[in-house]
PDB file of N, CA and C in Angstrom:
ATOM      1  N   MET A   1       0.623  -0.994   0.011  1.00  0.00           N
ATOM      2  CA  MET A   1       0.365   0.120  -0.136  1.00  0.00           C
ATOM      3  C   MET A   1       0.888   1.456   0.236  1.00  0.00           C
ATOM      4  N   PRO A   2       1.841   1.243   0.399  1.00  0.00           N
ATOM      5  CA  PRO A   2       3.224   2.731   0.340  1.00  0.00           C
ATOM      6  C   PRO A   2       2.483   2.873  -1.457  1.00  0.00           C
ATOM      7  N   ASN A   3       2.956   2.332  -1.809  1.00  0.00           N
ATOM      8  CA  ASN A   3       2.736   2.784  -3.588  1.00  0.00           C
ATOM      9  C   ASN A   3       1.556   3.425  -3.584  1.00  0.00           C
ATOM     10  N   LEU A   4       0.341   2.779  -3.116  1.00  0.00           N
ATOM     11  CA  LEU A   4      -0.878   3.850  -3.243  1.00  0.00           C
ATOM     12  C   LEU A   4      -0.306   4.936  -2.819  1.00  0.00           C
ATOM     13  N   ARG A   5      -0.559   5.117  -1.739  1.00  0.00           N
ATOM     14  CA  ARG A   5      -0.025   6.372  -0.991  1.00  0.00           C
ATOM     15  C   ARG A   5       0.563   7.535  -1.454  1.00  0.00           C
ATOM     16  N   GLY A   6       1.350   7.122  -2.283  1.00  0.00           N
ATOM     17  CA  GLY A   6       2.382   7.905  -2.973  1.00  0.00           C
ATOM     18  C   GLY A   6       1.731   8.345  -4.123  1.00  0.00           C
ATOM     19  N   ILE A   7       0.970   7.665  -4.535  1.00  0.00           N
ATOM     20  CA  ILE A   7      -0.352   8.200  -5.868  1.00  0.00           C
ATOM     21  C   ILE A   7      -1.040   8.754  -5.378  1.00  0.00           C
ATOM     22  N   VAL A   8      -1.578   8.613  -4.580  1.00  0.00           N
ATOM     23  CA  VAL A   8      -2.827   9.921  -4.009  1.00  0.00           C
ATOM     24  C   VAL A   8      -2.023  11.175  -3.412  1.00  0.00           C
ATOM     25  N   GLN A   9      -0.856  11.083  -3.208  1.00  0.00           N
ATOM     26  CA  GLN A   9      -0.310  12.325  -2.809  1.00  0.00           C
ATOM     27  C   GLN A   9       0.400  12.688  -4.200  1.00  0.00           C
ATOM     28  N   GLN A  10       0.637  11.969  -5.306  1.00  0.00           N
ATOM     29  CA  GLN A  10       1.020  13.118  -6.520  1.00  0.00           C
ATOM     30  C   GLN A  10      -0.145  13.674  -6.976  1.00  0.00           C
ATOM     31  N   LEU A  11      -1.297  12.763  -7.335  1.00  0.00           N
ATOM     32  CA  LEU A  11      -2.871  13.152  -7.532  1.00  0.00           C
ATOM     33  C   LEU A  11      -3.245  14.282  -6.539  1.00  0.00           C
ATOM     34  N   LYS A  12      -3.084  14.761  -5.644  1.00  0.00           N
ATOM     35  CA  LYS A  12      -3.537  15.750  -5.032  1.00  0.00           C
ATOM     36  C   LYS A  12      -2.531  16.997  -5.364  1.00  0.00           C
ATOM     37  N   THR A  13      -1.118  16.795  -5.432  1.00  0.00           N
ATOM     38  CA  THR A  13      -0.185  17.761  -5.788  1.00  0.00           C
ATOM     39  C   THR A  13      -0.559  18.476  -7.102  1.00  0.00           C
ATOM     40  N   GLU A  14      -0.680  17.200  -8.508  1.00  0.00           N
ATOM     41  CA  GLU A  14      -1.440  17.680  -9.581  1.00  0.00           C
ATOM     42  C   GLU A  14      -2.988  18.398  -9.536  1.00  0.00           C
ATOM     43  N   ARG A  15      -3.915  18.089  -8.567  1.00  0.00           N
ATOM     44  CA  ARG A  15      -4.803  18.679  -8.195  1.00  0.00           C
ATOM     45  C   ARG A  15      -4.823  20.353  -7.860  1.00  0.00           C
ATOM     46  N   ASP A  16      -3.944  20.270  -6.968  1.00  0.00           N
ATOM     47  CA  ASP A  16      -3.548  21.995  -6.688  1.00  0.00           C
ATOM     48  C   ASP A  16      -3.076  22.718  -7.366  1.00  0.00           C
ATOM     49  N   ARG A  17      -1.862  21.854  -8.307  1.00  0.00           N
ATOM     50  CA  ARG A  17      -1.520  22.639  -9.761  1.00  0.00           C
ATOM     51  C   ARG A  17      -2.280  23.366 -10.554  1.00  0.00           C
ATOM     52  N   ALA A  18      -3.510  22.362 -11.416  1.00  0.00           N
ATOM     53  CA  ALA A  18      -4.209  22.891 -12.104  1.00  0.00           C
ATOM     54  C   ALA A  18      -5.347  23.513 -11.038  1.00  0.00           C
ATOM     55  N   GLN A  19      -5.803  23.722 -10.221  1.00  0.00           N
ATOM     56  CA  GLN A  19      -6.405  24.629  -9.688  1.00  0.00           C
ATOM     57  C   GLN A  19      -6.059  26.268  -9.157  1.00  0.00           C
ATOM     58  N   ARG A  20      -4.477  26.138  -9.443  1.00  0.00           N
ATOM     59  CA  ARG A  20      -3.660  27.261  -9.576  1.00  0.00           C
ATOM     60  C   ARG A  20      -3.818  27.514 -10.888  1.00  0.00           C
ATOM     61  N   GLU A  21      -3.882  27.044 -11.752  1.00  0.00           N
ATOM     62  CA  GLU A  21      -3.456  27.285 -13.374  1.00  0.00           C
ATOM     63  C   GLU A  21      -5.139  27.630 -13.292  1.00  0.00           C
ATOM     64  N   VAL A  22      -5.937  27.247 -13.007  1.00  0.00           N
ATOM     65  CA  VAL A  22      -7.173  27.574 -13.372  1.00  0.00           C
ATOM     66  C   VAL A  22      -7.507  28.919 -12.630  1.00  0.00           C
ATOM     67  N   GLU A  23      -7.250  29.469 -11.627  1.00  0.00           N
ATOM     68  CA  GLU A  23      -7.187  30.630 -11.122  1.00  0.00           C
ATOM     69  C   GLU A  23      -6.322  31.513 -12.102  1.00  0.00           C
ATOM     70  N   ARG A  24      -5.400  31.366 -12.630  1.00  0.00           N
ATOM     71  CA  ARG A  24      -4.260  32.378 -13.190  1.00  0.00           C
ATOM     72  C   ARG A  24      -5.256  32.571 -14.685  1.00  0.00           C
ATOM     73  N   LEU A  25      -6.112  31.426 -15.089  1.00  0.00           N
ATOM     74  CA  LEU A  25      -6.473  31.593 -16.272  1.00  0.00           C
ATOM     75  C   LEU A  25      -7.639  32.534 -16.335  1.00  0.00           C
ATOM     76  N   SER A  26      -8.551  32.144 -15.066  1.00  0.00           N
ATOM     77  CA  SER A  26      -9.664  33.356 -14.764  1.00  0.00           C
ATOM     78  C   SER A  26      -9.305  34.923 -14.490  1.00  0.00           C
ATOM     79  N   ALA A  27      -8.556  34.735 -13.864  1.00  0.00           N
ATOM     80  CA  ALA A  27      -7.908  36.229 -13.840  1.00  0.00           C
ATOM     81  C   ALA A  27      -7.316  36.642 -15.086  1.00  0.00           C
ATOM     82  N   ALA A  28      -6.862  36.237 -15.973  1.00  0.00           N
ATOM     83  CA  ALA A  28      -6.616  36.730 -17.468  1.00  0.00           C
ATOM     84  C   ALA A  28      -7.789  36.915 -18.418  1.00  0.00           C
ATOM     85  N   LEU A  29      -8.519  36.208 -18.008  1.00  0.00           N
ATOM     86  CA  LEU A  29      -9.776  36.444 -18.349  1.00  0.00           C
ATOM     87  C   LEU A  29     -10.438  37.671 -18.137  1.00  0.00           C
ATOM     88  N   MET A  30     -10.686  37.871 -16.779  1.00  0.00           N
ATOM     89  CA  MET A  30     -11.091  38.774 -16.223  1.00  0.00           C
ATOM     90  C   MET A  30     -10.405  39.992 -16.822  1.00  0.00           C
ATOM     91  N   ALA A  31      -9.764  39.917 -17.176  1.00  0.00           N
ATOM     92  CA  ALA A  31      -8.564  41.485 -17.105  1.00  0.00           C
ATOM     93  C   ALA A  31      -8.805  41.301 -18.803  1.00  0.00           C
ATOM     94  N   LEU A  32      -8.416  40.676 -19.570  1.00  0.00           N
ATOM     95  CA  LEU A  32      -8.859  40.880 -21.165  1.00  0.00           C
ATOM     96  C   LEU A  32     -10.423  41.316 -21.324  1.00  0.00           C
ATOM     97  N   GLY A  33     -11.348  40.524 -20.127  1.00  0.00           N
ATOM     98  CA  GLY A  33     -12.923  40.827 -20.399  1.00  0.00           C
ATOM     99  C   GLY A  33     -13.420  42.783 -20.072  1.00  0.00           C
ATOM    100  N   ASN A  34     -12.283  43.031 -19.076  1.00  0.00           N
ATOM    101  CA  ASN A  34     -12.309  44.697 -19.142  1.00  0.00           C
ATOM    102  C   ASN A  34     -12.040  45.597 -19.825  1.00  0.00           C
ATOM    103  N   LEU A  35     -11.199  44.807 -21.025  1.00  0.00           N
ATOM    104  CA  LEU A  35     -10.283  45.787 -21.550  1.00  0.00           C
ATOM    105  C   LEU A  35     -11.314  46.444 -22.340  1.00  0.00           C
ATOM    106  N   GLY A  36     -12.179  45.970 -23.176  1.00  0.00           N
ATOM    107  CA  GLY A  36     -13.273  46.146 -24.078  1.00  0.00           C
ATOM    108  C   GLY A  36     -14.470  47.104 -23.074  1.00  0.00           C
ATOM    109  N   SER A  37     -14.399  46.859 -22.062  1.00  0.00           N
ATOM    110  CA  SER A  37     -15.895  47.693 -21.488  1.00  0.00           C
ATOM    111  C   SER A  37     -15.361  49.621 -20.844  1.00  0.00           C
ATOM    112  N   GLN A  38     -16.285  50.277 -21.242  1.00  0.00           N
ATOM    113  CA  GLN A  38     -15.775  51.369 -21.336  1.00  0.00           C
ATOM    114  C   GLN A  38     -15.954  51.974 -19.619  1.00  0.00           C
ATOM    115  N   SER A  39     -16.588  51.374 -18.957  1.00  0.00           N
ATOM    116  CA  SER A  39     -16.860  51.826 -17.501  1.00  0.00           C
ATOM    117  C   SER A  39     -15.764  51.690 -16.910  1.00  0.00           C
ATOM    118  N   GLY A  40     -14.959  50.243 -17.192  1.00  0.00           N
ATOM    119  CA  GLY A  40     -13.641  50.271 -16.689  1.00  0.00           C
ATOM    120  C   GLY A  40     -13.584  49.671 -15.307  1.00  0.00           C
ATOM    121  N   GLY A  41     -15.120  49.231 -14.771  1.00  0.00           N
ATOM    122  CA  GLY A  41     -15.393  48.390 -13.447  1.00  0.00           C
ATOM    123  C   GLY A  41     -15.406  46.710 -14.022  1.00  0.00           C
ATOM    124  N   LEU A  42     -15.240  46.560 -12.926  1.00  0.00           N
ATOM    125  CA  LEU A  42     -15.163  44.821 -12.665  1.00  0.00           C
ATOM    126  C   LEU A  42     -16.204  44.261 -12.952  1.00  0.00           C
ATOM    127  N   ARG A  43     -16.032  43.358 -13.861  1.00  0.00           N
ATOM    128  CA  ARG A  43     -17.589  42.352 -14.239  1.00  0.00           C
ATOM    129  C   ARG A  43     -17.396  40.829 -13.963  1.00  0.00           C
ATOM    130  N   ARG A  44     -17.861  40.378 -13.828  1.00  0.00           N
ATOM    131  CA  ARG A  44     -17.837  38.767 -13.449  1.00  0.00           C
ATOM    132  C   ARG A  44     -18.098  38.210 -14.895  1.00  0.00           C
ATOM    133  N   VAL A  45     -17.109  37.257 -15.355  1.00  0.00           N
ATOM    134  CA  VAL A  45     -17.304  36.369 -16.163  1.00  0.00           C
ATOM    135  C   VAL A  45     -18.302  35.450 -16.373  1.00  0.00           C
ATOM    136  N   GLY A  46     -18.840  35.427 -17.598  1.00  0.00           N
ATOM    137  CA  GLY A  46     -20.341  34.885 -18.341  1.00  0.00           C
ATOM    138  C   GLY A  46     -21.222  35.852 -17.226  1.00  0.00           C
ATOM    139  N   THR A  47     -21.236  36.879 -17.094  1.00  0.00           N
ATOM    140  CA  THR A  47     -22.662  37.630 -16.950  1.00  0.00           C
ATOM    141  C   THR A  47     -23.355  37.925 -18.098  1.00  0.00           C
ATOM    142  N   VAL A  48     -24.949  38.287 -17.686  1.00  0.00           N
ATOM    143  CA  VAL A  48     -24.858  38.554 -18.819  1.00  0.00           C
ATOM    144  C   VAL A  48     -26.007  39.592 -18.945  1.00  0.00           C
ATOM    145  N   LYS A  49     -25.931  40.811 -19.514  1.00  0.00           N
ATOM    146  CA  LYS A  49     -26.597  42.099 -19.607  1.00  0.00           C
ATOM    147  C   LYS A  49     -28.053  42.156 -19.837  1.00  0.00           C
ATOM    148  N   ARG A  50     -28.678  41.916 -18.963  1.00  0.00           N
ATOM    149  CA  ARG A  50     -30.373  41.808 -19.995  1.00  0.00           C
ATOM    150  C   ARG A  50     -30.641  43.340 -20.260  1.00  0.00           C
ATOM    151  N   ARG A  51     -31.242  43.423 -21.258  1.00  0.00           N
ATOM    152  CA  ARG A  51     -32.194  45.006 -21.855  1.00  0.00           C
ATOM    153  C   ARG A  51     -33.290  45.045 -21.269  1.00  0.00           C
ATOM    154  N   LYS A  52     -33.199  46.017 -21.392  1.00  0.00           N
ATOM    155  CA  LYS A  52     -34.658  47.062 -20.706  1.00  0.00           C
ATOM    156  C   LYS A  52     -35.754  46.783 -21.871  1.00  0.00           C
ATOM    157  N   PRO A  53     -37.407  45.981 -21.408  1.00  0.00           N
ATOM    158  CA  PRO A  53     -38.382  45.337 -22.629  1.00  0.00           C
ATOM    159  C   PRO A  53     -38.776  46.761 -23.137  1.00  0.00           C
ATOM    160  N   LEU A  54     -38.864  46.394 -24.545  1.00  0.00           N
ATOM    161  CA  LEU A  54     -39.672  47.795 -24.906  1.00  0.00           C
ATOM    162  C   LEU A  54     -40.861  47.712 -24.690  1.00  0.00           C
ATOM    163  N   SER A  55     -41.438  49.345 -24.761  1.00  0.00           N
ATOM    164  CA  SER A  55     -42.950  49.041 -24.694  1.00  0.00           C
ATOM    165  C   SER A  55     -43.424  48.845 -26.315  1.00  0.00           C
ATOM    166  N   ALA A  56     -44.792  48.616 -26.494  1.00  0.00           N
ATOM    167  CA  ALA A  56     -45.487  48.332 -27.915  1.00  0.00           C
ATOM    168  C   ALA A  56     -45.218  49.485 -28.706  1.00  0.00           C
ATOM    169  N   THR A  57     -45.486  50.712 -28.303  1.00  0.00           N
ATOM    170  CA  THR A  57     -45.104  51.916 -29.307  1.00  0.00           C
ATOM    171  C   THR A  57     -43.827  51.882 -29.700  1.00  0.00           C
ATOM    172  N   ALA A  58     -42.866  51.468 -29.212  1.00  0.00           N
ATOM    173  CA  ALA A  58     -41.647  52.003 -29.263  1.00  0.00           C
ATOM    174  C   ALA A  58     -41.322  50.133 -30.200  1.00  0.00           C
ATOM    175  N   ARG A  59     -42.140  49.146 -30.596  1.00  0.00           N
ATOM    176  CA  ARG A  59     -41.589  48.279 -30.997  1.00  0.00           C
ATOM    177  C   ARG A  59     -42.164  48.730 -32.624  1.00  0.00           C
ATOM    178  N   ARG A  60     -43.651  49.155 -32.529  1.00  0.00           N
ATOM    179  CA  ARG A  60     -43.977  49.579 -33.819  1.00  0.00           C
ATOM    180  C   ARG A  60     -43.623  50.708 -34.716  1.00  0.00           C
ATOM    181  N   LYS A  61     -42.711  51.629 -33.686  1.00  0.00           N
ATOM    182  CA  LYS A  61     -42.048  52.431 -34.296  1.00  0.00           C
ATOM    183  C   LYS A  61     -40.765  52.012 -35.024  1.00  0.00           C
ATOM    184  N   ILE A  62     -40.376  50.635 -34.189  1.00  0.00           N
ATOM    185  CA  ILE A  62     -39.051  50.637 -34.932  1.00  0.00           C
ATOM    186  C   ILE A  62     -39.509  49.627 -36.376  1.00  0.00           C
ATOM    187  N   ALA A  63     -40.554  48.765 -36.192  1.00  0.00           N
ATOM    188  CA  ALA A  63     -41.056  48.015 -37.085  1.00  0.00           C
ATOM    189  C   ALA A  63     -41.473  48.482 -38.384  1.00  0.00           C
ATOM    190  N   ALA A  64     -42.222  49.722 -37.968  1.00  0.00           N
ATOM    191  CA  ALA A  64     -42.569  50.938 -39.175  1.00  0.00           C
ATOM    192  C   ALA A  64     -41.032  51.184 -39.681  1.00  0.00           C
ATOM    193  N   ALA A  65     -40.015  51.693 -39.242  1.00  0.00           N
ATOM    194  CA  ALA A  65     -38.697  52.243 -39.932  1.00  0.00           C
ATOM    195  C   ALA A  65     -38.310  51.144 -40.567  1.00  0.00           C
ATOM    196  N   GLN A  66     -38.186  49.654 -40.125  1.00  0.00           N
ATOM    197  CA  GLN A  66     -37.592  48.798 -40.792  1.00  0.00           C
ATOM    198  C   GLN A  66     -38.328  48.385 -42.067  1.00  0.00           C
ATOM    199  N   ARG A  67     -40.134  48.420 -42.394  1.00  0.00           N
ATOM    200  CA  ARG A  67     -40.467  48.342 -43.395  1.00  0.00           C
ATOM    201  C   ARG A  67     -40.169  49.489 -44.061  1.00  0.00           C
ATOM    202  N   ALA A  68     -40.164  50.577 -43.889  1.00  0.00           N
ATOM    203  CA  ALA A  68     -39.699  51.801 -44.774  1.00  0.00           C
ATOM    204  C   ALA A  68     -38.503  51.630 -45.281  1.00  0.00           C
ATOM    205  N   ARG A  69     -37.118  51.130 -44.497  1.00  0.00           N
ATOM    206  CA  ARG A  69     -36.102  50.802 -45.306  1.00  0.00           C
ATOM    207  C   ARG A  69     -36.008  49.814 -45.966  1.00  0.00           C
ATOM    208  N   TRP A  70     -37.095  48.329 -46.387  1.00  0.00           N
ATOM    209  CA  TRP A  70     -37.283  47.288 -47.245  1.00  0.00           C
ATOM    210  C   TRP A  70     -37.898  48.353 -48.112  1.00  0.00           C
ATOM    211  N   ALA A  71     -38.893  48.985 -48.097  1.00  0.00           N
ATOM    212  CA  ALA A  71     -39.430  49.332 -49.321  1.00  0.00           C
ATOM    213  C   ALA A  71     -38.519  50.188 -49.799  1.00  0.00           C
ATOM    214  N   LYS A  72     -37.330  51.114 -49.384  1.00  0.00           N
ATOM    215  CA  LYS A  72     -37.088  51.761 -49.840  1.00  0.00           C
ATOM    216  C   LYS A  72     -35.824  50.953 -51.093  1.00  0.00           C
ATOM    217  N   TRP A  73     -35.328  49.805 -50.236  1.00  0.00           N
ATOM    218  CA  TRP A  73     -34.175  49.033 -50.833  1.00  0.00           C
ATOM    219  C   TRP A  73     -34.833  48.232 -52.079  1.00  0.00           C
ATOM    220  N   LYS A  74     -36.355  47.686 -52.122  1.00  0.00           N
ATOM    221  CA  LYS A  74     -36.779  47.251 -53.182  1.00  0.00           C
ATOM    222  C   LYS A  74     -36.953  47.996 -54.111  1.00  0.00           C
ATOM    223  N   ALA A  75     -37.241  49.556 -53.845  1.00  0.00           N
ATOM    224  CA  ALA A  75     -37.779  50.356 -55.180  1.00  0.00           C
ATOM    225  C   ALA A  75     -36.395  50.146 -55.687  1.00  0.00           C
ATOM    226  N   ALA A  76     -35.122  50.502 -54.756  1.00  0.00           N
ATOM    227  CA  ALA A  76     -34.470  50.667 -55.571  1.00  0.00           C
ATOM    228  C   ALA A  76     -33.270  49.327 -57.168  1.00  0.00           C
ATOM    229  N   ARG A  77     -34.049  48.378 -55.827  1.00  0.00           N
ATOM    230  CA  ARG A  77     -33.784  47.145 -56.536  1.00  0.00           C
ATOM    231  C   ARG A  77     -34.452  47.102 -58.146  1.00  0.00           C
ATOM    232  N   ARG A  78     -35.743  47.489 -58.157  1.00  0.00           N
ATOM    233  CA  ARG A  78     -37.097  47.207 -59.018  1.00  0.00           C
ATOM    234  C   ARG A  78     -36.136  48.157 -60.227  1.00  0.00           C
ATOM    235  N   SER A  79     -35.890  49.281 -59.848  1.00  0.00           N
ATOM    236  CA  SER A  79     -35.539  50.389 -60.968  1.00  0.00           C
ATOM    237  C   SER A  79     -33.923  49.978 -61.812  1.00  0.00           C
ATOM    238  N   LYS A  80     -33.374  49.183 -61.024  1.00  0.00           N
ATOM    239  CA  LYS A  80     -32.082  48.838 -61.510  1.00  0.00           C
ATOM    240  C   LYS A  80     -32.273  47.807 -63.195  1.00  0.00           C
TER     241      LYS A  80
END
């Protein structure tokens, strides 16, 4: 059984090394993630920024503007 204890000790050592490596990688990802943010504040990796819901009026205005853009594009395409 002394050989088994050595193997267990090696596995624990490897686990600790891997854990330190993951912590370093997480720190690097967090630093790189903050480069693109304009606020410069800390953000957690993997968080999702939720958008505020649009009102029905705002959705109608956006849809009307998109329909106008499509109509303009289609008219230009037909004239060619």
